[in-house]
N, C-alpha and C. Protein backbone atom coordinates (compact mmCIF):
# COMPACT_ATOMS: atom_id res chain seq x y z
N MET A 1 -22.00 -70.20 -202.88
CA MET A 1 -22.31 -70.68 -201.58
C MET A 1 -22.92 -69.56 -200.74
N PRO A 2 -23.98 -69.86 -199.99
CA PRO A 2 -24.57 -68.81 -199.14
C PRO A 2 -23.62 -68.33 -198.05
N ASP A 3 -23.80 -67.12 -197.62
CA ASP A 3 -22.94 -66.56 -196.55
C ASP A 3 -23.01 -67.34 -195.26
N TRP A 4 -24.18 -67.93 -194.97
CA TRP A 4 -24.39 -68.62 -193.70
C TRP A 4 -23.84 -70.05 -193.74
N ALA A 5 -23.49 -70.56 -194.87
CA ALA A 5 -22.99 -71.93 -194.98
C ALA A 5 -21.78 -72.18 -194.07
N GLY A 6 -21.83 -73.25 -193.30
CA GLY A 6 -20.75 -73.62 -192.42
C GLY A 6 -20.67 -72.81 -191.12
N GLN A 7 -21.70 -72.01 -190.86
CA GLN A 7 -21.72 -71.20 -189.60
C GLN A 7 -22.75 -71.79 -188.65
N TRP A 8 -22.44 -71.66 -187.35
CA TRP A 8 -23.41 -72.10 -186.36
C TRP A 8 -24.70 -71.30 -186.49
N ARG A 9 -25.78 -71.92 -186.18
CA ARG A 9 -27.03 -71.19 -186.31
C ARG A 9 -27.16 -70.06 -185.29
N THR A 10 -27.87 -69.04 -185.69
CA THR A 10 -28.09 -67.87 -184.82
C THR A 10 -29.59 -67.69 -184.53
N ILE A 11 -30.35 -68.68 -184.90
CA ILE A 11 -31.82 -68.62 -184.64
C ILE A 11 -32.26 -69.86 -183.91
N ALA A 12 -33.38 -69.78 -183.22
CA ALA A 12 -33.98 -70.95 -182.58
C ALA A 12 -34.58 -71.81 -183.66
N VAL A 13 -34.49 -73.13 -183.49
CA VAL A 13 -35.12 -74.06 -184.45
C VAL A 13 -35.85 -75.15 -183.69
N GLN A 14 -36.69 -75.85 -184.41
CA GLN A 14 -37.38 -77.02 -183.85
C GLN A 14 -37.39 -78.12 -184.92
N ALA A 15 -37.07 -79.32 -184.55
CA ALA A 15 -37.08 -80.45 -185.47
C ALA A 15 -38.13 -81.46 -184.95
N GLY A 16 -39.31 -81.41 -185.51
CA GLY A 16 -40.40 -82.25 -185.02
C GLY A 16 -40.72 -81.76 -183.62
N SER A 17 -40.73 -82.71 -182.67
CA SER A 17 -41.00 -82.35 -181.29
C SER A 17 -39.73 -81.98 -180.50
N HIS A 18 -38.59 -82.12 -181.13
CA HIS A 18 -37.29 -81.83 -180.45
C HIS A 18 -36.93 -80.36 -180.59
N GLU A 19 -36.66 -79.71 -179.45
CA GLU A 19 -36.21 -78.33 -179.45
C GLU A 19 -34.73 -78.35 -179.05
N PRO A 20 -33.85 -78.15 -180.04
CA PRO A 20 -32.44 -78.10 -179.76
C PRO A 20 -32.09 -76.93 -178.84
N PRO A 21 -30.87 -76.89 -178.29
CA PRO A 21 -30.52 -75.79 -177.40
C PRO A 21 -30.63 -74.44 -178.09
N PRO A 22 -30.79 -73.39 -177.35
CA PRO A 22 -30.84 -72.06 -177.94
C PRO A 22 -29.53 -71.74 -178.66
N PRO A 23 -29.58 -70.87 -179.64
CA PRO A 23 -28.42 -70.62 -180.48
C PRO A 23 -27.19 -70.16 -179.72
N HIS A 24 -27.36 -69.42 -178.63
CA HIS A 24 -26.20 -68.92 -177.90
C HIS A 24 -25.41 -70.05 -177.24
N LEU A 25 -26.03 -71.25 -177.07
CA LEU A 25 -25.35 -72.37 -176.47
C LEU A 25 -24.68 -73.33 -177.49
N VAL A 26 -24.95 -73.13 -178.76
CA VAL A 26 -24.46 -74.03 -179.80
C VAL A 26 -22.93 -74.10 -179.81
N PRO A 27 -22.19 -73.00 -179.78
CA PRO A 27 -20.72 -73.10 -179.81
C PRO A 27 -20.19 -73.90 -178.64
N LEU A 28 -20.73 -73.69 -177.44
CA LEU A 28 -20.31 -74.42 -176.25
C LEU A 28 -20.62 -75.89 -176.36
N GLN A 29 -21.83 -76.22 -176.83
CA GLN A 29 -22.21 -77.62 -176.94
C GLN A 29 -21.42 -78.31 -178.04
N MET A 30 -21.05 -77.64 -179.10
CA MET A 30 -20.25 -78.24 -180.14
C MET A 30 -18.86 -78.49 -179.65
N ARG A 31 -18.33 -77.56 -178.82
CA ARG A 31 -16.99 -77.77 -178.20
C ARG A 31 -17.00 -79.03 -177.31
N GLU A 32 -18.04 -79.13 -176.46
CA GLU A 32 -18.15 -80.30 -175.59
C GLU A 32 -18.32 -81.58 -176.38
N TYR A 33 -19.09 -81.51 -177.50
CA TYR A 33 -19.28 -82.63 -178.39
C TYR A 33 -17.93 -83.12 -178.95
N GLY A 34 -17.11 -82.16 -179.40
CA GLY A 34 -15.83 -82.51 -179.97
C GLY A 34 -14.91 -83.12 -178.94
N LEU A 35 -14.91 -82.57 -177.73
CA LEU A 35 -14.08 -83.14 -176.65
C LEU A 35 -14.52 -84.52 -176.24
N ASP A 36 -15.85 -84.76 -176.15
CA ASP A 36 -16.38 -86.08 -175.82
C ASP A 36 -16.01 -87.08 -176.91
N LEU A 37 -16.12 -86.69 -178.15
CA LEU A 37 -15.79 -87.61 -179.25
C LEU A 37 -14.30 -87.88 -179.27
N GLN A 38 -13.50 -86.91 -179.03
CA GLN A 38 -12.04 -87.05 -178.96
C GLN A 38 -11.66 -88.04 -177.85
N ALA A 39 -12.30 -87.91 -176.69
CA ALA A 39 -12.02 -88.83 -175.57
C ALA A 39 -12.37 -90.27 -175.95
N ARG A 40 -13.45 -90.45 -176.68
CA ARG A 40 -13.87 -91.81 -177.09
C ARG A 40 -12.90 -92.41 -178.10
N LEU A 41 -12.22 -91.54 -178.85
CA LEU A 41 -11.34 -92.04 -179.91
C LEU A 41 -9.87 -92.12 -179.51
N GLU A 42 -9.53 -91.67 -178.29
CA GLU A 42 -8.13 -91.71 -177.85
C GLU A 42 -7.66 -93.13 -177.63
N GLY A 43 -6.38 -93.34 -177.79
CA GLY A 43 -5.81 -94.66 -177.54
C GLY A 43 -5.90 -95.53 -178.75
N PRO A 44 -5.54 -96.82 -178.58
CA PRO A 44 -5.63 -97.75 -179.73
C PRO A 44 -7.05 -97.95 -180.19
N VAL A 45 -7.18 -98.15 -181.48
CA VAL A 45 -8.53 -98.36 -182.09
C VAL A 45 -9.11 -99.64 -181.56
N GLN A 46 -10.30 -99.51 -181.05
CA GLN A 46 -11.06 -100.71 -180.60
C GLN A 46 -12.20 -100.91 -181.60
N TYR A 47 -11.94 -101.71 -182.56
CA TYR A 47 -12.87 -101.86 -183.68
C TYR A 47 -14.25 -102.26 -183.24
N GLU A 48 -14.38 -103.06 -182.20
CA GLU A 48 -15.66 -103.51 -181.76
C GLU A 48 -16.50 -102.35 -181.20
N LEU A 49 -15.85 -101.25 -180.82
CA LEU A 49 -16.57 -100.08 -180.26
C LEU A 49 -16.90 -99.01 -181.32
N LEU A 50 -16.42 -99.19 -182.53
CA LEU A 50 -16.66 -98.16 -183.56
C LEU A 50 -18.11 -97.94 -183.85
N PRO A 51 -18.94 -98.98 -183.97
CA PRO A 51 -20.38 -98.72 -184.20
C PRO A 51 -21.01 -97.87 -183.07
N ASP A 52 -20.63 -98.15 -181.83
CA ASP A 52 -21.15 -97.38 -180.73
C ASP A 52 -20.66 -95.93 -180.78
N THR A 53 -19.43 -95.73 -181.18
CA THR A 53 -18.87 -94.37 -181.28
C THR A 53 -19.58 -93.62 -182.38
N LEU A 54 -19.79 -94.27 -183.52
CA LEU A 54 -20.48 -93.61 -184.61
C LEU A 54 -21.94 -93.24 -184.25
N ALA A 55 -22.64 -94.15 -183.55
CA ALA A 55 -24.00 -93.87 -183.11
C ALA A 55 -24.00 -92.69 -182.14
N PHE A 56 -23.05 -92.65 -181.23
CA PHE A 56 -22.92 -91.53 -180.28
C PHE A 56 -22.76 -90.23 -181.08
N ALA A 57 -21.83 -90.24 -182.03
CA ALA A 57 -21.51 -89.02 -182.78
C ALA A 57 -22.72 -88.50 -183.52
N GLU A 58 -23.44 -89.37 -184.15
CA GLU A 58 -24.63 -88.93 -184.95
C GLU A 58 -25.73 -88.45 -184.01
N ALA A 59 -26.03 -89.22 -183.00
CA ALA A 59 -27.13 -88.87 -182.10
C ALA A 59 -26.86 -87.55 -181.37
N ARG A 60 -25.62 -87.38 -180.90
CA ARG A 60 -25.34 -86.13 -180.17
C ARG A 60 -25.38 -84.93 -181.09
N LEU A 61 -24.85 -85.07 -182.29
CA LEU A 61 -24.89 -83.98 -183.25
C LEU A 61 -26.35 -83.59 -183.58
N LEU A 62 -27.21 -84.61 -183.75
CA LEU A 62 -28.61 -84.30 -184.09
C LEU A 62 -29.33 -83.64 -182.94
N THR A 63 -28.94 -83.91 -181.70
CA THR A 63 -29.62 -83.20 -180.60
C THR A 63 -29.23 -81.78 -180.51
N ILE A 64 -28.03 -81.42 -180.98
CA ILE A 64 -27.53 -80.04 -180.96
C ILE A 64 -28.11 -79.25 -182.13
N HIS A 65 -28.22 -79.87 -183.27
CA HIS A 65 -28.67 -79.20 -184.51
C HIS A 65 -27.97 -77.89 -184.69
N PRO A 66 -26.64 -77.93 -184.98
CA PRO A 66 -25.89 -76.67 -185.00
C PRO A 66 -26.16 -75.81 -186.22
N PHE A 67 -26.85 -76.29 -187.22
CA PHE A 67 -27.05 -75.49 -188.43
C PHE A 67 -28.47 -75.11 -188.63
N ALA A 68 -28.73 -73.94 -189.12
CA ALA A 68 -30.08 -73.40 -189.26
C ALA A 68 -30.96 -74.16 -190.20
N ASP A 69 -30.38 -74.79 -191.21
CA ASP A 69 -31.23 -75.49 -192.19
C ASP A 69 -31.66 -76.87 -191.70
N LEU A 70 -31.24 -77.29 -190.52
CA LEU A 70 -31.65 -78.53 -189.87
C LEU A 70 -31.21 -79.80 -190.48
N ASN A 71 -30.40 -79.74 -191.54
CA ASN A 71 -30.02 -81.03 -192.19
C ASN A 71 -28.63 -81.48 -191.81
N GLY A 72 -28.01 -80.80 -190.85
CA GLY A 72 -26.73 -81.28 -190.35
C GLY A 72 -25.52 -81.02 -191.22
N ARG A 73 -25.63 -80.17 -192.21
CA ARG A 73 -24.48 -79.88 -193.04
C ARG A 73 -23.60 -78.82 -192.47
């Protein structure tokens, strides 16, 4: 496994026309992402909201692009 695997990116990237936040903001944005997702999942499971929660989780992660190889792993 490469040394960088599983680490937040330390370089600027661009995905098509989308420019994710600069690398120094990735840890903060990932923390906020986790807290937002946690807030959405607190309390009893509301099955009718799960598709919305999953869409939020994917879209928000893709806007941050926390990994240098751009594929979200």
